[in-house]
Structure formats: C-alpha cells, structure tokens
Amino acid sequence: MMLSVCQNSDVCLCKSYGNQREKKLIPKTKNHITMIGITDNDETVIAWNSTASDVIYGGQKLQTINSATVAVEADYFIA
C-alpha cells in the first residue's frame, strides 16, 4: 500500500492492482482519509475470509462486529 496526499484529504491510501488479502481498520483518530485503487480499471480488491462464527482465542466466536474486512470508525472517509 502506498500513502500519499490527495486533494481534499489529509492522507490517501492507494491500493495497487489485484487482490489484497488483508484486514484494514481506520480508527476514529484518523479522520479525512481517502482510499483509492490505482489502476485504469476497477480491478483492485481488498478481501479477507473472516466470519462471525470463526472461533478465536479461548474458544470465543469472532462475532459480526469483528469480522469486517474494512472497518471505518473515522469521520470523513472516502473510498
């Protein structure tokens, strides 16, 4: 992932071409973020494979709130 300055944003997260296998959290302290794919077409994908029923530490389930691939808690987020 590349960070750069975007017009009307404090930070721009630029995702490269192809499938990105990762989880992303934009915390509430990181306002004015823009995330864009840097390709000539719409072939940038962020994917993960969590489900609410996945078992995590101590046998507890992940739950829906923690299963997001991209979670945004901040204000003024643009994708």
Protein backbone atom coordinates (compact mmCIF):
# COMPACT_ATOMS: atom_id res chain seq x y z
CA MET A 1 0.00 0.00 0.00
CA MET A 2 1.21 3.49 -0.80
CA LEU A 3 0.48 6.63 1.22
CA SER A 4 0.27 9.99 -0.49
CA VAL A 5 -1.50 13.33 -0.21
CA CYS A 6 -4.84 13.60 -2.04
CA GLN A 7 -6.79 16.71 -2.83
CA ASN A 8 -9.28 17.49 0.00
CA SER A 9 -7.83 14.74 2.23
CA ASP A 10 -5.14 14.59 4.86
CA VAL A 11 -3.99 11.11 3.77
CA CYS A 12 -4.63 8.94 0.75
CA LEU A 13 -4.33 5.14 0.91
CA CYS A 14 -3.58 3.99 -2.63
CA LYS A 15 -4.16 0.31 -3.29
CA SER A 16 -2.30 -1.36 -6.15
CA TYR A 17 -3.78 -3.58 -8.86
CA GLY A 18 -5.06 -7.02 -7.93
CA ASN A 19 -6.34 -8.80 -4.86
CA GLN A 20 -5.12 -7.55 -1.50
CA ARG A 21 -5.57 -10.21 1.24
CA GLU A 22 -5.67 -8.13 4.40
CA LYS A 23 -7.90 -6.62 7.06
CA LYS A 24 -7.96 -2.84 7.44
CA LEU A 25 -9.12 -0.69 10.34
CA ILE A 26 -9.36 3.09 10.01
CA PRO A 27 -9.58 4.20 13.69
CA LYS A 28 -11.64 7.15 14.86
CA THR A 29 -8.47 9.19 15.40
CA LYS A 30 -7.61 9.11 11.64
CA ASN A 31 -10.11 11.49 10.01
CA HIS A 32 -10.05 12.72 6.40
CA ILE A 33 -8.77 9.50 4.81
CA THR A 34 -9.30 8.64 1.14
CA MET A 35 -8.73 5.09 -0.15
CA ILE A 36 -8.44 4.59 -3.90
CA GLY A 37 -7.36 1.85 -6.28
CA ILE A 38 -4.52 2.98 -8.54
CA THR A 39 -5.43 1.20 -11.78
CA ASP A 40 -7.00 2.13 -15.08
CA ASN A 41 -9.93 -0.18 -14.36
CA ASP A 42 -11.86 -1.46 -11.35
CA GLU A 43 -9.60 -4.42 -10.57
CA THR A 44 -8.39 -3.56 -7.07
CA VAL A 45 -9.95 -5.86 -4.48
CA ILE A 46 -9.47 -6.00 -0.70
CA ALA A 47 -10.56 -9.38 0.62
CA TRP A 48 -10.40 -11.43 3.81
CA ASN A 49 -12.13 -14.58 4.95
CA SER A 50 -13.48 -13.90 8.46
CA THR A 51 -16.98 -14.86 9.52
CA ALA A 52 -18.92 -14.13 12.69
CA SER A 53 -18.80 -17.82 13.62
CA ASP A 54 -14.98 -18.13 13.42
CA VAL A 55 -13.52 -19.31 16.72
CA ILE A 56 -10.78 -17.13 18.22
CA TYR A 57 -8.84 -17.08 21.50
CA GLY A 58 -10.29 -19.11 24.33
CA GLY A 59 -12.97 -20.69 22.15
CA GLN A 60 -14.96 -17.46 21.74
CA LYS A 61 -16.59 -16.60 18.43
CA LEU A 62 -15.33 -13.64 16.39
CA GLN A 63 -18.85 -12.09 16.14
CA THR A 64 -20.13 -9.85 13.37
CA ILE A 65 -18.62 -6.64 14.73
CA ASN A 66 -15.09 -8.09 14.40
CA SER A 67 -15.48 -9.90 11.07
CA ALA A 68 -15.27 -6.87 8.73
CA THR A 69 -12.60 -6.80 6.03
CA VAL A 70 -12.51 -2.99 6.09
CA ALA A 71 -13.80 -1.24 9.21
CA VAL A 72 -14.04 2.55 9.34
CA GLU A 73 -14.53 4.31 12.66
CA ALA A 74 -13.26 7.73 11.48
CA ASP A 75 -15.18 10.71 10.13
CA TYR A 76 -14.86 11.93 6.54
CA PHE A 77 -13.72 8.64 4.99
CA ILE A 78 -13.93 8.34 1.19
CA ALA A 79 -13.42 5.18 -0.84
